[in-house]
Protein backbone atom coordinates (compact mmCIF):
# COMPACT_ATOMS: atom_id res chain seq x y z
CA UNK A 1 36.17 105.19 84.25
CA UNK A 2 37.39 102.18 85.90
CA UNK A 3 41.02 102.28 87.57
CA UNK A 4 43.36 99.60 86.58
CA UNK A 5 45.64 98.06 88.93
CA UNK A 6 49.49 98.20 87.80
CA UNK A 7 50.97 94.87 88.35
CA UNK A 8 54.29 93.85 87.62
CA UNK A 9 55.97 90.44 86.92
CA UNK A 10 59.18 89.21 88.59
CA UNK A 11 61.46 90.82 86.20
CA UNK A 12 59.59 94.28 86.43
CA UNK A 13 57.48 94.20 83.27
CA UNK A 14 53.86 95.36 83.02
CA UNK A 15 51.61 92.87 83.20
CA UNK A 16 47.77 92.93 81.75
CA UNK A 17 45.16 90.94 83.34
CA UNK A 18 45.25 88.35 81.03
CA UNK A 19 49.09 87.84 81.51
CA UNK A 20 48.36 87.71 85.17
CA UNK A 21 45.69 84.97 84.70
CA UNK A 22 47.91 82.98 82.42
CA UNK A 23 50.74 83.43 85.15
CA UNK A 24 48.54 82.07 87.78
CA UNK A 25 47.54 79.22 85.66
CA UNK A 26 50.90 78.35 84.72
CA UNK A 27 52.16 78.18 88.57
CA UNK A 28 49.14 75.77 89.35
CA UNK A 29 50.02 73.41 86.65
CA UNK A 30 53.77 73.47 87.75
CA UNK A 31 52.96 72.86 91.31
CA UNK A 32 50.65 69.87 90.28
CA UNK A 33 53.37 68.61 88.01
CA UNK A 34 56.16 68.95 90.57
CA UNK A 35 53.79 66.84 93.10
CA UNK A 36 53.48 63.78 90.49
CA UNK A 37 56.88 63.64 89.59
CA UNK A 38 58.16 61.24 92.38
CA UNK A 39 58.52 58.23 90.28
CA UNK A 40 61.63 56.89 91.79
CA UNK A 41 62.66 54.17 94.27
CA UNK A 42 59.49 52.95 96.10
CA UNK A 43 57.27 50.12 94.68
CA UNK A 44 54.20 51.04 93.04
CA UNK A 45 51.62 48.35 93.36
CA UNK A 46 48.95 50.02 91.28
CA UNK A 47 51.32 50.40 88.42
CA UNK A 48 52.38 46.81 88.71
CA UNK A 49 48.71 46.05 88.39
CA UNK A 50 48.05 48.14 85.38
CA UNK A 51 51.09 46.50 83.70
CA UNK A 52 49.76 43.13 84.52
CA UNK A 53 46.51 44.14 83.00
CA UNK A 54 47.85 45.34 79.78
CA UNK A 55 49.94 42.38 79.14
CA UNK A 56 46.71 40.14 79.55
CA UNK A 57 44.91 42.08 77.29
CA UNK A 58 47.61 41.96 74.70
CA UNK A 59 48.25 38.20 75.45
CA UNK A 60 44.37 37.72 74.87
CA UNK A 61 44.60 39.10 71.25
CA UNK A 62 46.55 36.76 68.96
CA UNK A 63 47.17 39.31 66.16
CA UNK A 64 49.37 41.33 68.56
CA UNK A 65 51.99 38.63 68.80
CA UNK A 66 53.00 39.78 72.37
CA UNK A 67 55.12 36.75 73.48
CA UNK A 68 57.11 36.98 70.30
CA UNK A 69 57.62 40.59 70.50
CA UNK A 70 58.34 40.79 74.33
CA UNK A 71 60.98 37.93 73.60
CA UNK A 72 62.36 39.95 70.92
CA UNK A 73 62.45 43.33 73.19
CA UNK A 74 64.29 41.34 75.97
CA UNK A 75 61.43 40.63 78.13
């Protein structure tokens, strides 16, 4: 019969192999989210270019009334 390793969580509770895998994935996701969270301060030329493209597409479609709506929104 295979021997199971007993793993404890940070709180001291026993964790199944599934729980361990979920915990591992969650930590990886959290680390990735924190790495991408720096959206304050500096200039982001890529973002500005994307906004310009979106505006151009919206302006090209007359049914969106982009200019009228942007003026209404303070833009």
